[in-house]
C-alpha atoms as a PDB file:
ATOM      1  CA  MET A   1      40.591  56.286  13.023  1.00  0.00           C
ATOM      2  CA  LYS A   2      41.831  53.997   9.911  1.00  0.00           C
ATOM      3  CA  VAL A   3      38.724  54.213   7.244  1.00  0.00           C
ATOM      4  CA  GLY A   4      38.539  52.792   4.509  1.00  0.00           C
ATOM      5  CA  LEU A   5      36.348  53.938   1.496  1.00  0.00           C
ATOM      6  CA  LEU A   6      35.384  52.040  -1.911  1.00  0.00           C
ATOM      7  CA  GLY A   7      34.245  53.854  -4.971  1.00  0.00           C
ATOM      8  CA  ALA A   8      35.579  57.056  -4.061  1.00  0.00           C
ATOM      9  CA  THR A   9      35.241  58.298  -8.334  1.00  0.00           C
ATOM     10  CA  GLY A  10      31.687  58.508  -7.605  1.00  0.00           C
ATOM     11  CA  TYR A  11      29.594  61.890  -7.127  1.00  0.00           C
ATOM     12  CA  SER A  12      28.631  60.675  -3.674  1.00  0.00           C
ATOM     13  CA  GLY A  13      32.171  59.267  -2.941  1.00  0.00           C
ATOM     14  CA  ALA A  14      34.130  62.329  -3.830  1.00  0.00           C
ATOM     15  CA  VAL A  15      32.126  64.160  -1.905  1.00  0.00           C
ATOM     16  CA  LEU A  16      32.113  61.314   1.310  1.00  0.00           C
ATOM     17  CA  TYR A  17      36.192  61.364   0.674  1.00  0.00           C
ATOM     18  CA  SER A  18      36.562  65.455   1.319  1.00  0.00           C
ATOM     19  CA  LEU A  19      33.893  64.971   4.152  1.00  0.00           C
ATOM     20  CA  LEU A  20      36.279  62.378   5.926  1.00  0.00           C
ATOM     21  CA  LYS A  21      39.266  64.099   4.570  1.00  0.00           C
ATOM     22  CA  GLN A  22      38.089  66.834   7.133  1.00  0.00           C
ATOM     23  CA  HIS A  23      36.737  64.684  10.457  1.00  0.00           C
ATOM     24  CA  PRO A  24      38.628  65.640  13.260  1.00  0.00           C
ATOM     25  CA  ASN A  25      38.865  62.272  14.228  1.00  0.00           C
ATOM     26  CA  VAL A  26      39.866  60.417  11.295  1.00  0.00           C
ATOM     27  CA  THR A  27      43.617  59.630  11.033  1.00  0.00           C
ATOM     28  CA  HIS A  28      44.013  57.990   7.875  1.00  0.00           C
ATOM     29  CA  LEU A  29      42.138  57.097   5.282  1.00  0.00           C
ATOM     30  CA  ASN A  30      42.362  54.265   2.570  1.00  0.00           C
ATOM     31  CA  LEU A  31      40.893  53.929  -0.770  1.00  0.00           C
ATOM     32  CA  TYR A  32      39.701  51.154  -2.488  1.00  0.00           C
ATOM     33  CA  GLY A  33      38.448  50.070  -6.259  1.00  0.00           C
ATOM     34  CA  HIS A  34      37.373  47.147  -8.288  1.00  0.00           C
ATOM     35  CA  ASN A  35      39.752  44.240  -9.170  1.00  0.00           C
ATOM     36  CA  THR A  36      40.945  46.044 -12.393  1.00  0.00           C
ATOM     37  CA  GLY A  37      42.740  42.195 -13.911  1.00  0.00           C
ATOM     38  CA  THR A  38      45.861  44.553 -14.196  1.00  0.00           C
ATOM     39  CA  SER A  39      49.085  46.377 -12.482  1.00  0.00           C
ATOM     40  CA  LYS A  40      47.835  49.698 -13.428  1.00  0.00           C
ATOM     41  CA  LYS A  41      47.559  51.752 -10.483  1.00  0.00           C
ATOM     42  CA  VAL A  42      44.331  54.076 -10.361  1.00  0.00           C
ATOM     43  CA  PHE A  43      45.063  57.632  -8.352  1.00  0.00           C
ATOM     44  CA  LEU A  44      42.264  59.472  -7.046  1.00  0.00           C
ATOM     45  CA  GLU A  45      43.529  62.816  -8.808  1.00  0.00           C
ATOM     46  CA  THR A  46      43.962  61.166 -12.016  1.00  0.00           C
ATOM     47  CA  ALA A  47      40.119  60.048 -11.436  1.00  0.00           C
ATOM     48  CA  ILE A  48      39.300  63.044 -10.450  1.00  0.00           C
ATOM     49  CA  PRO A  49      40.493  66.084 -11.872  1.00  0.00           C
ATOM     50  CA  ALA A  50      39.486  68.380  -8.833  1.00  0.00           C
ATOM     51  CA  TYR A  51      41.385  66.583  -6.443  1.00  0.00           C
ATOM     52  CA  LEU A  52      44.497  67.084  -8.386  1.00  0.00           C
ATOM     53  CA  ASN A  53      46.854  67.691  -5.367  1.00  0.00           C
ATOM     54  CA  GLU A  54      45.023  64.379  -3.461  1.00  0.00           C
ATOM     55  CA  HIS A  55      47.706  61.870  -4.850  1.00  0.00           C
ATOM     56  CA  LEU A  56      45.938  58.407  -3.222  1.00  0.00           C
ATOM     57  CA  GLU A  57      46.682  55.182  -4.838  1.00  0.00           C
ATOM     58  CA  LEU A  58      42.808  53.374  -5.307  1.00  0.00           C
ATOM     59  CA  GLN A  59      44.350  49.598  -3.549  1.00  0.00           C
ATOM     60  CA  GLU A  60      43.062  46.397  -5.165  1.00  0.00           C
ATOM     61  CA  PHE A  61      39.396  45.115  -3.049  1.00  0.00           C
ATOM     62  CA  ASP A  62      40.808  42.863  -0.148  1.00  0.00           C
ATOM     63  CA  PRO A  63      38.229  42.155   2.247  1.00  0.00           C
ATOM     64  CA  VAL A  64      41.452  40.667   4.688  1.00  0.00           C
ATOM     65  CA  ALA A  65      43.247  43.053   3.828  1.00  0.00           C
ATOM     66  CA  ILE A  66      41.004  45.887   4.673  1.00  0.00           C
ATOM     67  CA  MET A  67      39.593  44.885   7.915  1.00  0.00           C
ATOM     68  CA  ASN A  68      43.004  44.571   8.712  1.00  0.00           C
ATOM     69  CA  SER A  69      43.955  48.164   7.861  1.00  0.00           C
ATOM     70  CA  ASN A  70      40.807  50.059   9.331  1.00  0.00           C
ATOM     71  CA  ASP A  71      38.394  50.707  11.185  1.00  0.00           C
ATOM     72  CA  VAL A  72      34.991  50.815   9.035  1.00  0.00           C
ATOM     73  CA  LEU A  73      34.631  50.614   5.935  1.00  0.00           C
ATOM     74  CA  PHE A  74      32.558  52.876   3.470  1.00  0.00           C
ATOM     75  CA  CYS A  75      30.706  51.653   0.220  1.00  0.00           C
ATOM     76  CA  ALA A  76      30.029  54.447  -2.376  1.00  0.00           C
ATOM     77  CA  THR A  77      29.012  51.434  -4.568  1.00  0.00           C
ATOM     78  CA  PRO A  78      26.743  51.484  -7.137  1.00  0.00           C
ATOM     79  CA  ALA A  79      23.754  49.106  -6.600  1.00  0.00           C
ATOM     80  CA  GLY A  80      24.152  44.994  -7.580  1.00  0.00           C
ATOM     81  CA  VAL A  81      28.226  45.385  -5.310  1.00  0.00           C
ATOM     82  CA  THR A  82      28.233  45.196  -1.887  1.00  0.00           C
ATOM     83  CA  SER A  83      25.351  42.248  -2.036  1.00  0.00           C
ATOM     84  CA  LYS A  84      27.849  40.038  -3.471  1.00  0.00           C
ATOM     85  CA  ILE A  85      31.349  40.897  -1.236  1.00  0.00           C
ATOM     86  CA  ALA A  86      29.776  41.871   1.980  1.00  0.00           C
ATOM     87  CA  ARG A  87      29.944  38.837   3.461  1.00  0.00           C
ATOM     88  CA  PRO A  88      33.103  38.402   5.375  1.00  0.00           C
ATOM     89  CA  PHE A  89      32.525  42.252   6.816  1.00  0.00           C
ATOM     90  CA  ILE A  90      29.177  40.670   8.116  1.00  0.00           C
ATOM     91  CA  GLU A  91      30.878  37.482   9.392  1.00  0.00           C
ATOM     92  CA  GLU A  92      33.021  39.583  11.173  1.00  0.00           C
ATOM     93  CA  ASN A  93      30.501  41.622  12.496  1.00  0.00           C
ATOM     94  CA  PHE A  94      33.159  44.641  11.415  1.00  0.00           C
ATOM     95  CA  PRO A  95      31.242  48.127  10.783  1.00  0.00           C
ATOM     96  CA  VAL A  96      29.897  49.129   7.082  1.00  0.00           C
ATOM     97  CA  ILE A  97      28.278  51.867   5.915  1.00  0.00           C
ATOM     98  CA  ASP A  98      27.127  51.293   2.790  1.00  0.00           C
ATOM     99  CA  LEU A  99      25.550  53.927   0.745  1.00  0.00           C
ATOM    100  CA  SER A 100      24.148  52.204  -1.573  1.00  0.00           C
ATOM    101  CA  GLY A 101      20.333  50.341  -1.675  1.00  0.00           C
ATOM    102  CA  ASP A 102      21.918  46.809  -1.230  1.00  0.00           C
ATOM    103  CA  PHE A 103      21.377  46.148   2.488  1.00  0.00           C
ATOM    104  CA  ARG A 104      17.824  48.371   2.958  1.00  0.00           C
ATOM    105  CA  PHE A 105      15.353  45.687   2.686  1.00  0.00           C
ATOM    106  CA  LYS A 106      14.994  43.132   5.046  1.00  0.00           C
ATOM    107  CA  ASP A 107      13.310  40.812   2.584  1.00  0.00           C
ATOM    108  CA  PRO A 108      15.244  39.903  -0.682  1.00  0.00           C
ATOM    109  CA  ALA A 109      12.126  39.555  -2.772  1.00  0.00           C
ATOM    110  CA  VAL A 110      11.545  43.444  -2.681  1.00  0.00           C
ATOM    111  CA  TYR A 111      15.191  43.916  -4.109  1.00  0.00           C
ATOM    112  CA  SER A 112      14.723  42.115  -6.482  1.00  0.00           C
ATOM    113  CA  LYS A 113      11.881  43.117  -7.945  1.00  0.00           C
ATOM    114  CA  TRP A 114      12.814  47.379  -7.502  1.00  0.00           C
ATOM    115  CA  TYR A 115      16.406  46.881  -8.186  1.00  0.00           C
ATOM    116  CA  HIS A 116      16.074  44.100 -10.806  1.00  0.00           C
ATOM    117  CA  LYS A 117      19.127  42.090  -9.861  1.00  0.00           C
ATOM    118  CA  PRO A 118      20.289  39.484  -7.696  1.00  0.00           C
ATOM    119  CA  ALA A 119      19.861  40.719  -3.535  1.00  0.00           C
ATOM    120  CA  ALA A 120      21.850  39.537  -0.477  1.00  0.00           C
ATOM    121  CA  PRO A 121      21.003  36.392   0.967  1.00  0.00           C
ATOM    122  CA  ALA A 122      18.271  36.837   3.854  1.00  0.00           C
ATOM    123  CA  GLU A 123      20.433  35.598   6.991  1.00  0.00           C
ATOM    124  CA  GLN A 124      22.421  39.023   5.839  1.00  0.00           C
ATOM    125  CA  LEU A 125      20.229  41.125   5.334  1.00  0.00           C
ATOM    126  CA  GLN A 126      18.851  40.725   8.673  1.00  0.00           C
ATOM    127  CA  LYS A 127      22.328  41.938  10.087  1.00  0.00           C
ATOM    128  CA  ALA A 128      22.239  45.651   8.761  1.00  0.00           C
ATOM    129  CA  CYS A 129      19.982  47.624  10.291  1.00  0.00           C
ATOM    130  CA  TYR A 130      19.013  51.287   8.124  1.00  0.00           C
ATOM    131  CA  GLY A 131      20.327  54.261   8.813  1.00  0.00           C
ATOM    132  CA  LEU A 132      18.286  57.139   8.647  1.00  0.00           C
ATOM    133  CA  THR A 133      19.821  59.031  11.474  1.00  0.00           C
ATOM    134  CA  ASP A 134      17.387  61.532  12.412  1.00  0.00           C
ATOM    135  CA  PHE A 135      15.140  58.822  14.154  1.00  0.00           C
ATOM    136  CA  GLN A 136      17.307  55.543  14.242  1.00  0.00           C
ATOM    137  CA  THR A 137      20.635  55.159  15.998  1.00  0.00           C
ATOM    138  CA  PRO A 138      22.912  52.039  14.690  1.00  0.00           C
ATOM    139  CA  THR A 139      21.582  48.834  15.838  1.00  0.00           C
ATOM    140  CA  THR A 140      24.879  46.707  14.119  1.00  0.00           C
ATOM    141  CA  HIS A 141      27.973  47.126  12.417  1.00  0.00           C
ATOM    142  CA  TYR A 142      26.356  47.239   9.243  1.00  0.00           C
ATOM    143  CA  ILE A 143      24.244  50.629   8.257  1.00  0.00           C
ATOM    144  CA  ALA A 144      22.452  51.003   5.560  1.00  0.00           C
ATOM    145  CA  ASN A 145      22.609  54.348   4.195  1.00  0.00           C
ATOM    146  CA  PRO A 146      19.098  55.844   2.954  1.00  0.00           C
ATOM    147  CA  GLY A 147      18.398  56.825  -0.562  1.00  0.00           C
ATOM    148  CA  CYS A 148      18.542  60.657  -1.096  1.00  0.00           C
ATOM    149  CA  TYR A 149      14.328  60.845  -2.106  1.00  0.00           C
ATOM    150  CA  ALA A 150      13.686  58.292   0.481  1.00  0.00           C
ATOM    151  CA  THR A 151      15.631  60.837   3.101  1.00  0.00           C
ATOM    152  CA  ALA A 152      13.424  63.228   2.075  1.00  0.00           C
ATOM    153  CA  SER A 153      10.442  62.078   1.820  1.00  0.00           C
ATOM    154  CA  LEU A 154      10.878  60.462   5.156  1.00  0.00           C
ATOM    155  CA  LEU A 155      12.156  63.726   6.763  1.00  0.00           C
ATOM    156  CA  GLY A 156       8.624  65.353   5.517  1.00  0.00           C
ATOM    157  CA  LEU A 157       6.402  62.709   6.144  1.00  0.00           C
ATOM    158  CA  ALA A 158       8.116  61.468  10.059  1.00  0.00           C
ATOM    159  CA  PRO A 159       6.323  63.442  12.452  1.00  0.00           C
ATOM    160  CA  LEU A 160       2.257  63.089  10.917  1.00  0.00           C
ATOM    161  CA  VAL A 161       2.716  59.775  10.474  1.00  0.00           C
ATOM    162  CA  ILE A 162       4.449  58.947  13.912  1.00  0.00           C
ATOM    163  CA  GLU A 163       1.646  61.152  15.229  1.00  0.00           C
ATOM    164  CA  LYS A 164      -1.213  59.438  13.283  1.00  0.00           C
ATOM    165  CA  MET A 165      -1.956  62.942  11.801  1.00  0.00           C
ATOM    166  CA  ILE A 166      -3.112  61.654   8.164  1.00  0.00           C
ATOM    167  CA  ILE A 167      -5.350  59.572   6.275  1.00  0.00           C
ATOM    168  CA  PRO A 168      -2.799  56.459   5.587  1.00  0.00           C
ATOM    169  CA  ASP A 169      -4.079  55.701   1.535  1.00  0.00           C
ATOM    170  CA  THR A 170      -3.641  60.307   1.002  1.00  0.00           C
ATOM    171  CA  ILE A 171       0.392  60.157   0.796  1.00  0.00           C
ATOM    172  CA  ILE A 172       1.022  61.770  -2.867  1.00  0.00           C
ATOM    173  CA  ILE A 173       4.966  62.536  -3.377  1.00  0.00           C
ATOM    174  CA  ASP A 174       6.369  64.429  -6.380  1.00  0.00           C
ATOM    175  CA  ALA A 175       9.874  65.409  -5.583  1.00  0.00           C
ATOM    176  CA  LYS A 176      12.158  66.550  -7.933  1.00  0.00           C
ATOM    177  CA  SER A 177      15.920  65.918  -8.377  1.00  0.00           C
ATOM    178  CA  GLY A 178      19.576  67.491  -9.814  1.00  0.00           C
ATOM    179  CA  VAL A 179      21.246  65.695 -12.419  1.00  0.00           C
ATOM    180  CA  SER A 180      23.882  64.408 -10.176  1.00  0.00           C
ATOM    181  CA  GLY A 181      21.207  62.363  -8.196  1.00  0.00           C
ATOM    182  CA  ALA A 182      21.309  60.247 -11.991  1.00  0.00           C
ATOM    183  CA  GLY A 183      25.034  59.133 -11.070  1.00  0.00           C
ATOM    184  CA  LYS A 184      28.897  60.172 -13.003  1.00  0.00           C
ATOM    185  CA  LYS A 185      28.728  57.584 -15.348  1.00  0.00           C
ATOM    186  CA  PRO A 186      27.056  59.858 -18.616  1.00  0.00           C
ATOM    187  CA  ASN A 187      23.713  58.638 -20.600  1.00  0.00           C
ATOM    188  CA  THR A 188      20.486  60.178 -22.449  1.00  0.00           C
ATOM    189  CA  SER A 189      18.936  61.568 -19.274  1.00  0.00           C
ATOM    190  CA  ASN A 190      21.923  63.222 -17.931  1.00  0.00           C
ATOM    191  CA  ASN A 191      23.268  64.972 -21.190  1.00  0.00           C
ATOM    192  CA  TYR A 192      23.607  68.771 -20.578  1.00  0.00           C
ATOM    193  CA  SER A 193      21.631  69.432 -24.276  1.00  0.00           C
ATOM    194  CA  PHE A 194      18.672  66.922 -23.618  1.00  0.00           C
ATOM    195  CA  ILE A 195      18.236  68.448 -19.538  1.00  0.00           C
ATOM    196  CA  ASN A 196      19.363  71.760 -19.721  1.00  0.00           C
ATOM    197  CA  GLU A 197      16.197  74.199 -19.896  1.00  0.00           C
ATOM    198  CA  ASN A 198      14.142  70.723 -19.762  1.00  0.00           C
ATOM    199  CA  ALA A 199      12.044  68.223 -17.143  1.00  0.00           C
ATOM    200  CA  TRP A 200      12.433  64.801 -17.020  1.00  0.00           C
ATOM    201  CA  LEU A 201       9.791  62.662 -15.077  1.00  0.00           C
ATOM    202  CA  TYR A 202      11.093  59.586 -14.911  1.00  0.00           C
ATOM    203  CA  LYS A 203      10.230  55.990 -13.217  1.00  0.00           C
ATOM    204  CA  MET A 204       7.007  56.569 -12.980  1.00  0.00           C
ATOM    205  CA  ASN A 205       5.416  54.273 -10.449  1.00  0.00           C
ATOM    206  CA  GLN A 206       9.179  52.168 -10.793  1.00  0.00           C
ATOM    207  CA  HIS A 207      11.718  54.334  -8.846  1.00  0.00           C
ATOM    208  CA  GLN A 208      13.559  51.908  -7.032  1.00  0.00           C
ATOM    209  CA  HIS A 209      12.839  54.298  -3.409  1.00  0.00           C
ATOM    210  CA  ILE A 210       9.233  53.720  -3.245  1.00  0.00           C
ATOM    211  CA  PRO A 211       9.399  50.270  -1.028  1.00  0.00           C
ATOM    212  CA  GLU A 212      12.023  51.835   0.918  1.00  0.00           C
ATOM    213  CA  ILE A 213      10.129  55.341   1.881  1.00  0.00           C
ATOM    214  CA  VAL A 214       6.876  52.670   2.460  1.00  0.00           C
ATOM    215  CA  GLN A 215       8.843  49.994   4.329  1.00  0.00           C
ATOM    216  CA  GLN A 216       9.620  52.718   6.884  1.00  0.00           C
ATOM    217  CA  LEU A 217       6.245  54.692   6.871  1.00  0.00           C
ATOM    218  CA  GLN A 218       4.662  51.075   7.466  1.00  0.00           C
ATOM    219  CA  ALA A 219       7.543  50.910  11.186  1.00  0.00           C
ATOM    220  CA  TRP A 220       5.526  54.190  12.103  1.00  0.00           C
ATOM    221  CA  ASN A 221       2.363  53.350  11.036  1.00  0.00           C
ATOM    222  CA  LYS A 222       1.458  49.993   9.833  1.00  0.00           C
ATOM    223  CA  ASN A 223      -1.810  51.036   7.849  1.00  0.00           C
ATOM    224  CA  ILE A 224      -0.019  52.331   5.475  1.00  0.00           C
ATOM    225  CA  SER A 225      -0.133  50.380   2.804  1.00  0.00           C
ATOM    226  CA  ALA A 226       1.245  51.962  -0.108  1.00  0.00           C
ATOM    227  CA  ILE A 227       1.959  55.985  -1.471  1.00  0.00           C
ATOM    228  CA  GLU A 228       1.712  57.865  -5.243  1.00  0.00           C
ATOM    229  CA  PHE A 229       5.358  58.829  -5.944  1.00  0.00           C
ATOM    230  CA  THR A 230       6.821  60.721  -8.856  1.00  0.00           C
ATOM    231  CA  THR A 231      10.153  61.299  -9.520  1.00  0.00           C
ATOM    232  CA  THR A 232      11.666  64.345 -11.867  1.00  0.00           C
ATOM    233  CA  LEU A 233      14.754  65.195 -12.866  1.00  0.00           C
ATOM    234  CA  ILE A 234      15.313  69.539 -13.122  1.00  0.00           C
ATOM    235  CA  PRO A 235      18.115  71.630 -14.841  1.00  0.00           C
ATOM    236  CA  ILE A 236      20.430  71.837 -11.364  1.00  0.00           C
ATOM    237  CA  THR A 237      23.414  69.929 -10.163  1.00  0.00           C
ATOM    238  CA  ARG A 238      22.479  68.740  -7.209  1.00  0.00           C
ATOM    239  CA  GLY A 239      19.914  68.890  -4.891  1.00  0.00           C
ATOM    240  CA  ILE A 240      16.561  67.432  -4.266  1.00  0.00           C
ATOM    241  CA  MET A 241      12.310  69.501  -3.692  1.00  0.00           C
ATOM    242  CA  ALA A 242      10.318  67.052  -1.574  1.00  0.00           C
ATOM    243  CA  THR A 243       6.321  68.360  -2.508  1.00  0.00           C
ATOM    244  CA  ILE A 244       4.433  66.278  -0.487  1.00  0.00           C
ATOM    245  CA  TYR A 245      -0.106  66.285   0.052  1.00  0.00           C
ATOM    246  CA  VAL A 246      -1.573  64.366   2.378  1.00  0.00           C
ATOM    247  CA  LYS A 247      -5.545  64.363   3.779  1.00  0.00           C
ATOM    248  CA  ALA A 248      -5.129  65.139   7.569  1.00  0.00           C
ATOM    249  CA  ALA A 249      -7.725  62.938   9.925  1.00  0.00           C
ATOM    250  CA  PRO A 250     -10.737  64.221  11.836  1.00  0.00           C
ATOM    251  CA  ASN A 251      -9.633  67.263  13.982  1.00  0.00           C
ATOM    252  CA  ILE A 252      -6.416  68.645  12.690  1.00  0.00           C
ATOM    253  CA  THR A 253      -5.215  72.013  12.793  1.00  0.00           C
ATOM    254  CA  LEU A 254      -2.638  73.701  11.430  1.00  0.00           C
ATOM    255  CA  THR A 255      -1.415  74.492  15.262  1.00  0.00           C
ATOM    256  CA  LYS A 256      -1.073  71.211  16.109  1.00  0.00           C
ATOM    257  CA  ILE A 257       0.782  70.247  12.752  1.00  0.00           C
ATOM    258  CA  LYS A 258       3.240  72.527  13.441  1.00  0.00           C
ATOM    259  CA  GLN A 259       3.423  71.259  16.880  1.00  0.00           C
ATOM    260  CA  ALA A 260       4.537  67.802  16.082  1.00  0.00           C
ATOM    261  CA  PHE A 261       7.160  68.940  13.547  1.00  0.00           C
ATOM    262  CA  ASN A 262       8.310  70.861  16.815  1.00  0.00           C
ATOM    263  CA  LYS A 263       8.477  67.605  18.729  1.00  0.00           C
ATOM    264  CA  TYR A 264      10.957  65.889  16.586  1.00  0.00           C
ATOM    265  CA  TYR A 265      12.522  68.455  15.408  1.00  0.00           C
ATOM    266  CA  GLN A 266      12.900  71.536  17.382  1.00  0.00           C
ATOM    267  CA  HIS A 267      16.053  70.021  19.022  1.00  0.00           C
ATOM    268  CA  ASP A 268      17.783  68.720  15.819  1.00  0.00           C
ATOM    269  CA  LYS A 269      20.738  70.215  14.624  1.00  0.00           C
ATOM    270  CA  PHE A 270      20.270  69.369  10.944  1.00  0.00           C
ATOM    271  CA  ILE A 271      16.578  69.705  10.450  1.00  0.00           C
ATOM    272  CA  ARG A 272      15.721  72.964   9.987  1.00  0.00           C
ATOM    273  CA  LEU A 273      11.527  74.419  10.162  1.00  0.00           C
ATOM    274  CA  LEU A 274      10.295  77.581   8.064  1.00  0.00           C
ATOM    275  CA  PRO A 275       6.772  77.253   9.661  1.00  0.00           C
ATOM    276  CA  GLU A 276       5.695  80.774   7.851  1.00  0.00           C
ATOM    277  CA  GLU A 277       6.926  79.633   4.172  1.00  0.00           C
ATOM    278  CA  THR A 278       8.802  77.153   1.716  1.00  0.00           C
ATOM    279  CA  PRO A 279      12.252  76.298   1.751  1.00  0.00           C
ATOM    280  CA  SER A 280      14.241  76.422  -1.970  1.00  0.00           C
ATOM    281  CA  ILE A 281      16.812  73.749  -2.836  1.00  0.00           C
ATOM    282  CA  LYS A 282      19.639  76.887  -2.524  1.00  0.00           C
ATOM    283  CA  GLU A 283      19.307  77.047   1.067  1.00  0.00           C
ATOM    284  CA  VAL A 284      20.634  73.670   1.471  1.00  0.00           C
ATOM    285  CA  THR A 285      23.170  73.251  -1.116  1.00  0.00           C
ATOM    286  CA  GLY A 286      26.600  72.185   0.210  1.00  0.00           C
ATOM    287  CA  SER A 287      24.873  70.985   3.469  1.00  0.00           C
ATOM    288  CA  ASN A 288      23.504  68.635   5.494  1.00  0.00           C
ATOM    289  CA  TYR A 289      20.706  70.283   6.557  1.00  0.00           C
ATOM    290  CA  CYS A 290      16.906  69.126   5.237  1.00  0.00           C
ATOM    291  CA  ASN A 291      14.749  72.485   5.167  1.00  0.00           C
ATOM    292  CA  ILE A 292      11.000  71.889   6.055  1.00  0.00           C
ATOM    293  CA  GLY A 293       7.872  74.275   5.233  1.00  0.00           C
ATOM    294  CA  LEU A 294       4.368  73.371   5.939  1.00  0.00           C
ATOM    295  CA  SER A 295       0.770  74.621   5.385  1.00  0.00           C
ATOM    296  CA  TYR A 296      -2.703  73.841   5.667  1.00  0.00           C
ATOM    297  CA  ASN A 297      -5.589  74.153   3.580  1.00  0.00           C
ATOM    298  CA  GLU A 298      -8.541  73.625   5.589  1.00  0.00           C
ATOM    299  CA  VAL A 299     -10.888  74.016   2.401  1.00  0.00           C
ATOM    300  CA  THR A 300      -9.691  70.908   0.759  1.00  0.00           C
ATOM    301  CA  ASN A 301      -8.255  69.238   3.680  1.00  0.00           C
ATOM    302  CA  THR A 302      -4.734  69.391   2.435  1.00  0.00           C
ATOM    303  CA  ILE A 303      -1.343  69.172   4.485  1.00  0.00           C
ATOM    304  CA  VAL A 304       1.505  70.006   2.016  1.00  0.00           C
ATOM    305  CA  ILE A 305       4.908  69.616   3.783  1.00  0.00           C
ATOM    306  CA  VAL A 306       7.903  70.727   1.082  1.00  0.00           C
ATOM    307  CA  SER A 307      11.342  69.232   2.031  1.00  0.00           C
ATOM    308  CA  VAL A 308      14.630  70.047   1.088  1.00  0.00           C
ATOM    309  CA  ILE A 309      17.737  68.277   0.920  1.00  0.00           C
ATOM    310  CA  ASP A 310      21.415  68.051  -1.232  1.00  0.00           C
ATOM    311  CA  ASN A 311      21.113  64.661  -2.517  1.00  0.00           C
ATOM    312  CA  LEU A 312      24.695  64.433  -2.515  1.00  0.00           C
ATOM    313  CA  MET A 313      24.966  65.356   1.607  1.00  0.00           C
ATOM    314  CA  LYS A 314      22.018  64.898   3.492  1.00  0.00           C
ATOM    315  CA  GLY A 315      20.930  62.658   0.838  1.00  0.00           C
ATOM    316  CA  ALA A 316      24.489  60.694   0.464  1.00  0.00           C
ATOM    317  CA  ALA A 317      27.440  61.443   1.837  1.00  0.00           C
ATOM    318  CA  GLY A 318      26.452  63.686   4.726  1.00  0.00           C
ATOM    319  CA  GLN A 319      24.434  61.595   6.346  1.00  0.00           C
ATOM    320  CA  ALA A 320      26.655  58.419   5.755  1.00  0.00           C
ATOM    321  CA  LEU A 321      29.408  60.597   8.310  1.00  0.00           C
ATOM    322  CA  GLN A 322      25.929  61.543  10.482  1.00  0.00           C
ATOM    323  CA  ASN A 323      25.704  57.284  10.668  1.00  0.00           C
ATOM    324  CA  PHE A 324      29.528  57.212  11.588  1.00  0.00           C
ATOM    325  CA  ASN A 325      29.614  59.500  14.684  1.00  0.00           C
ATOM    326  CA  GLN A 326      26.744  58.292  15.752  1.00  0.00           C
ATOM    327  CA  LEU A 327      28.231  54.640  15.358  1.00  0.00           C
ATOM    328  CA  PHE A 328      31.507  55.647  16.754  1.00  0.00           C
ATOM    329  CA  ASN A 329      30.247  58.394  19.738  1.00  0.00           C
ATOM    330  CA  PHE A 330      31.727  61.749  18.149  1.00  0.00           C
ATOM    331  CA  PRO A 331      30.152  64.700  17.751  1.00  0.00           C
ATOM    332  CA  GLU A 332      26.813  64.699  15.630  1.00  0.00           C
ATOM    333  CA  GLU A 333      28.438  67.321  13.672  1.00  0.00           C
ATOM    334  CA  ALA A 334      31.792  66.352  13.502  1.00  0.00           C
ATOM    335  CA  GLY A 335      33.176  66.784   9.805  1.00  0.00           C
ATOM    336  CA  LEU A 336      29.978  68.392   8.317  1.00  0.00           C
ATOM    337  CA  PRO A 337      29.729  72.082   6.910  1.00  0.00           C
ATOM    338  CA  LEU A 338      27.506  73.977   9.121  1.00  0.00           C
ATOM    339  CA  LEU A 339      26.677  76.673   6.707  1.00  0.00           C
ATOM    340  CA  PRO A 340      25.297  75.658   3.174  1.00  0.00           C
ATOM    341  CA  LEU A 341      27.076  77.184   0.342  1.00  0.00           C
ATOM    342  CA  PHE A 342      25.925  80.709  -0.492  1.00  0.00           C
ATOM    343  CA  PRO A 343      25.626  82.245  -3.119  1.00  0.00           C
END
């Protein structure tokens, strides 16, 4: 297949490029960048020195040319880009896998409120599907890849929420992320002298993944109206740990909790359950796995779920490749590493 990638020079785009490069069904890769207004050529090896031997030019963005030269387009762009450029692809029903948040919501007002940017038109949003690969297969050709925090949180909560095993208004998510989650562009929070030997809680009750998580939880259980969600930046390069606290519904036991998780995940290739221990981020770094640990405190009636992922893999590029594999009926693990980086 011929694959186009818009936004290969960011962290998620760079990881996605490396995955596509090794995918057995990808025969050709075309890279695209934003229109520069100049004749100066940009090459991947210049933008990412680590890819020194990858002498590929970033071509100008032209929807017609892209659709004529590719079978699918991945967009690894910042928020606010695809909402402006998606129309031609949607009108032609051309396959697009969008790693940004622009098409994750059905209500444009929700996007505008939380992302502080103009939303795509409602009729375009209705033609996109949410690509949480462990629970949904593509229903349209425009796939909105889930956010990293949302992926870790939803996978940790799904079995209990779907089976209605929790008290709906008791969800508390304490999520911690590596610095790559803040993006490639230098800023105060990802400055080494700030984040080294530090931990910074940011966007308290304002993180844009909150409504995304709630939207999907409500699709599983309409009685869930809100969540408590905090995000902390920690001094590691990549990885997310979501520690989730919920109150159990009546007559719930640890055995029933484990049975629920086994019901949904025992045959899932990328979810690994650790029923007797809690996971660490290092166990999933560089992989598409989500490791989940469970505990139940009968004294406080509190279930604790610990869900860990690599934010650039399962939280972005890895899940995007899973969506690609599902959309085109390739093996689910095609192009994805089967082992984490260790040590």
